[in-house]
Amino acid sequence: MTQYCRNFLIICCVVSLSMGCTTLDGRYQKDTKLLIEYALYDFPFPTTAKIIEEETVILGSGERWSGKVRFLDPKSPAQLLKFYAEVVPGSGWKMKASTVSAGIFLVFNKDGRVATVEINRLSFLEGRSLFSTRKTSVVVSVNHAGHTSVPQLQNQQK
């Protein structure tokens, strides 16, 4: 009887752990799909991009939301800068600011949304597998422009 209880307990633990992992993976996929379909549906991504679903984040709800999606790309930062400078404005997004240094930061806006693109080359061993080239990390963050200010405190005196 003790052997039976121990085996049953082990099976229950394995099943609950595997269900928990499936739910978490499903959440990452759902968040990524929601962010891209709702906030970035018209924002171009390179065809060579590989989205890292575990790093997709959505915060808030309604009109007070923001989110980010991260992807890796085999292109160099210079090639990605050229892509964003040429292709994104063709989709109606206007570049409002850019900074090029060790990392590249680009700010676009369209229809009350602001998208910030951060491009960084991964270190020599980061993002590499056997027989692959170095990858570039790109983070695209997006939110509604009118909902980024600090709320005003009301005067509580009467």
Protein backbone atom coordinates (compact mmCIF):
# COMPACT_ATOMS: atom_id res chain seq x y z
CA MET A 1 0.00 0.00 0.00
CA THR A 2 2.85 2.41 0.80
CA GLN A 3 4.43 1.72 -2.61
CA TYR A 4 1.10 2.51 -4.29
CA CYS A 5 0.74 5.87 -2.44
CA ARG A 6 4.32 6.85 -3.26
CA ASN A 7 3.85 6.06 -6.99
CA PHE A 8 0.56 7.94 -7.03
CA LEU A 9 2.18 10.98 -5.41
CA ILE A 10 5.05 10.93 -7.92
CA ILE A 11 2.61 10.74 -10.85
CA CYS A 12 0.56 13.64 -9.46
CA CYS A 13 3.70 15.79 -9.08
CA VAL A 14 4.88 15.03 -12.63
CA VAL A 15 1.45 15.76 -14.10
CA SER A 16 1.06 19.05 -12.20
CA LEU A 17 4.56 20.21 -13.18
CA SER A 18 4.02 19.40 -16.85
CA MET A 19 0.63 21.17 -16.84
CA GLY A 20 2.21 24.23 -15.21
CA CYS A 21 4.88 24.43 -17.91
CA THR A 22 2.32 24.07 -20.68
CA THR A 23 0.23 26.87 -19.21
CA LEU A 24 3.25 29.17 -18.94
CA ASP A 25 4.32 28.49 -22.52
CA GLY A 26 0.75 29.13 -23.64
CA ARG A 27 0.75 32.45 -21.79
CA TYR A 28 3.96 33.58 -23.51
CA GLN A 29 2.51 32.70 -26.91
CA LYS A 30 -0.77 34.43 -26.09
CA ASP A 31 0.97 37.61 -24.85
CA THR A 32 3.22 37.73 -27.92
CA LYS A 33 0.30 37.23 -30.30
CA LEU A 34 -1.82 39.84 -28.50
CA LEU A 35 0.95 42.45 -28.49
CA ILE A 36 1.76 41.98 -32.16
CA GLU A 37 -1.87 41.80 -33.34
CA TYR A 38 -3.14 44.71 -31.23
CA ALA A 39 -0.26 47.16 -30.80
CA LEU A 40 2.27 46.27 -33.50
CA TYR A 41 0.02 44.91 -36.25
CA ASP A 42 1.37 47.48 -38.73
CA PHE A 43 4.96 47.70 -37.45
CA PRO A 44 7.37 45.84 -39.76
CA PHE A 45 9.65 43.12 -38.39
CA PRO A 46 12.57 41.68 -40.38
CA THR A 47 11.71 38.33 -41.96
CA THR A 48 14.84 36.86 -40.33
CA ALA A 49 13.70 37.80 -36.81
CA LYS A 50 13.22 35.06 -34.23
CA ILE A 51 10.89 36.25 -31.46
CA ILE A 52 11.83 35.29 -27.89
CA GLU A 53 8.35 34.63 -26.51
CA GLU A 54 9.48 34.27 -22.88
CA GLU A 55 10.55 37.93 -22.90
CA THR A 56 7.30 39.36 -24.25
CA VAL A 57 5.61 41.54 -21.64
CA ILE A 58 2.24 43.30 -21.61
CA LEU A 59 1.36 45.65 -18.75
CA GLY A 60 -1.95 47.38 -18.06
CA SER A 61 -5.29 47.17 -19.81
CA GLY A 62 -7.73 49.24 -21.81
CA GLU A 63 -6.04 52.41 -23.04
CA ARG A 64 -3.41 52.28 -20.29
CA TRP A 65 -1.16 49.54 -21.59
CA SER A 66 2.38 49.08 -22.73
CA GLY A 67 4.35 46.12 -23.92
CA LYS A 68 7.61 44.88 -25.33
CA VAL A 69 8.72 42.10 -27.60
CA ARG A 70 12.31 40.90 -28.02
CA PHE A 71 13.78 39.10 -30.97
CA LEU A 72 17.15 37.94 -32.23
CA ASP A 73 18.31 38.55 -35.76
CA PRO A 74 21.41 37.37 -37.66
CA LYS A 75 21.74 40.82 -39.29
CA SER A 76 24.25 43.33 -37.95
CA PRO A 77 23.09 46.42 -36.04
CA ALA A 78 23.95 48.56 -39.10
CA GLN A 79 21.77 46.39 -41.36
CA LEU A 80 18.89 46.57 -38.88
CA LEU A 81 19.29 50.36 -38.57
CA LYS A 82 18.99 50.60 -42.35
CA PHE A 83 15.92 48.32 -42.30
CA TYR A 84 14.15 50.45 -39.67
CA ALA A 85 15.13 53.74 -41.33
CA GLU A 86 13.83 52.61 -44.75
CA VAL A 87 11.00 50.13 -44.18
CA VAL A 88 9.21 51.37 -41.04
CA PRO A 89 8.41 54.90 -42.36
CA GLY A 90 6.87 53.24 -45.42
CA SER A 91 4.29 51.72 -43.05
CA GLY A 92 3.22 55.14 -41.82
CA TRP A 93 5.38 55.23 -38.69
CA LYS A 94 7.35 58.48 -38.31
CA MET A 95 10.83 58.45 -36.80
CA LYS A 96 10.92 61.07 -34.03
CA ALA A 97 14.34 60.45 -32.52
CA SER A 98 17.43 58.31 -32.94
CA THR A 99 20.64 57.72 -31.06
CA VAL A 100 23.52 55.68 -32.40
CA SER A 101 26.32 54.73 -30.01
CA ALA A 102 27.29 51.36 -28.54
CA GLY A 103 23.59 50.61 -28.90
CA ILE A 104 21.03 52.02 -31.32
CA PHE A 105 17.80 53.61 -30.08
CA LEU A 106 15.02 54.65 -32.45
CA VAL A 107 11.67 56.23 -31.55
CA PHE A 108 8.68 56.07 -33.91
CA ASN A 109 5.08 57.17 -33.55
CA LYS A 110 1.81 56.52 -35.33
CA ASP A 111 -1.86 56.94 -34.41
CA GLY A 112 -1.19 57.77 -30.74
CA ARG A 113 1.25 54.90 -30.30
CA VAL A 114 4.96 55.24 -29.58
CA ALA A 115 7.38 52.45 -30.48
CA THR A 116 10.93 52.44 -29.19
CA VAL A 117 13.42 50.14 -30.90
CA GLU A 118 16.63 49.18 -29.07
CA ILE A 119 19.27 47.37 -31.12
CA ASN A 120 22.34 45.77 -29.51
CA ARG A 121 24.89 43.31 -30.82
CA LEU A 122 25.24 40.33 -28.49
CA SER A 123 28.66 39.60 -27.05
CA PHE A 124 30.95 37.12 -28.75
CA LEU A 125 29.50 33.96 -27.12
CA GLU A 126 25.97 35.20 -26.42
CA GLY A 127 23.33 34.14 -28.88
CA ARG A 128 25.60 31.68 -30.65
CA SER A 129 25.25 28.03 -31.24
CA LEU A 130 27.62 25.72 -33.02
CA PHE A 131 28.18 26.89 -36.62
CA SER A 132 26.05 30.03 -36.24
CA THR A 133 26.91 33.68 -36.58
CA ARG A 134 26.62 36.32 -33.87
CA LYS A 135 23.13 37.59 -33.36
CA THR A 136 21.72 41.04 -32.72
CA SER A 137 19.15 41.61 -29.98
CA VAL A 138 16.24 43.91 -30.80
CA VAL A 139 13.65 45.06 -28.25
CA VAL A 140 10.54 46.84 -29.52
CA SER A 141 8.54 48.57 -26.78
CA VAL A 142 5.18 50.15 -27.56
CA ASN A 143 2.57 52.18 -25.68
CA HIS A 144 -0.04 54.90 -26.18
CA ALA A 145 1.64 58.32 -26.23
CA GLY A 146 -1.06 60.06 -24.18
CA HIS A 147 -0.84 57.60 -21.32
CA THR A 148 2.77 57.91 -20.26
CA SER A 149 2.52 60.99 -18.05
CA VAL A 150 2.61 61.00 -14.26
CA PRO A 151 -0.88 61.41 -12.77
CA GLN A 152 -1.56 64.81 -11.23
CA LEU A 153 -2.37 64.92 -7.50
CA GLN A 154 -5.62 66.67 -6.69
CA ASN A 155 -5.71 69.33 -4.02
CA GLN A 156 -7.37 67.68 -1.04
CA GLN A 157 -8.14 70.92 0.81
CA LYS A 158 -11.74 72.12 0.77
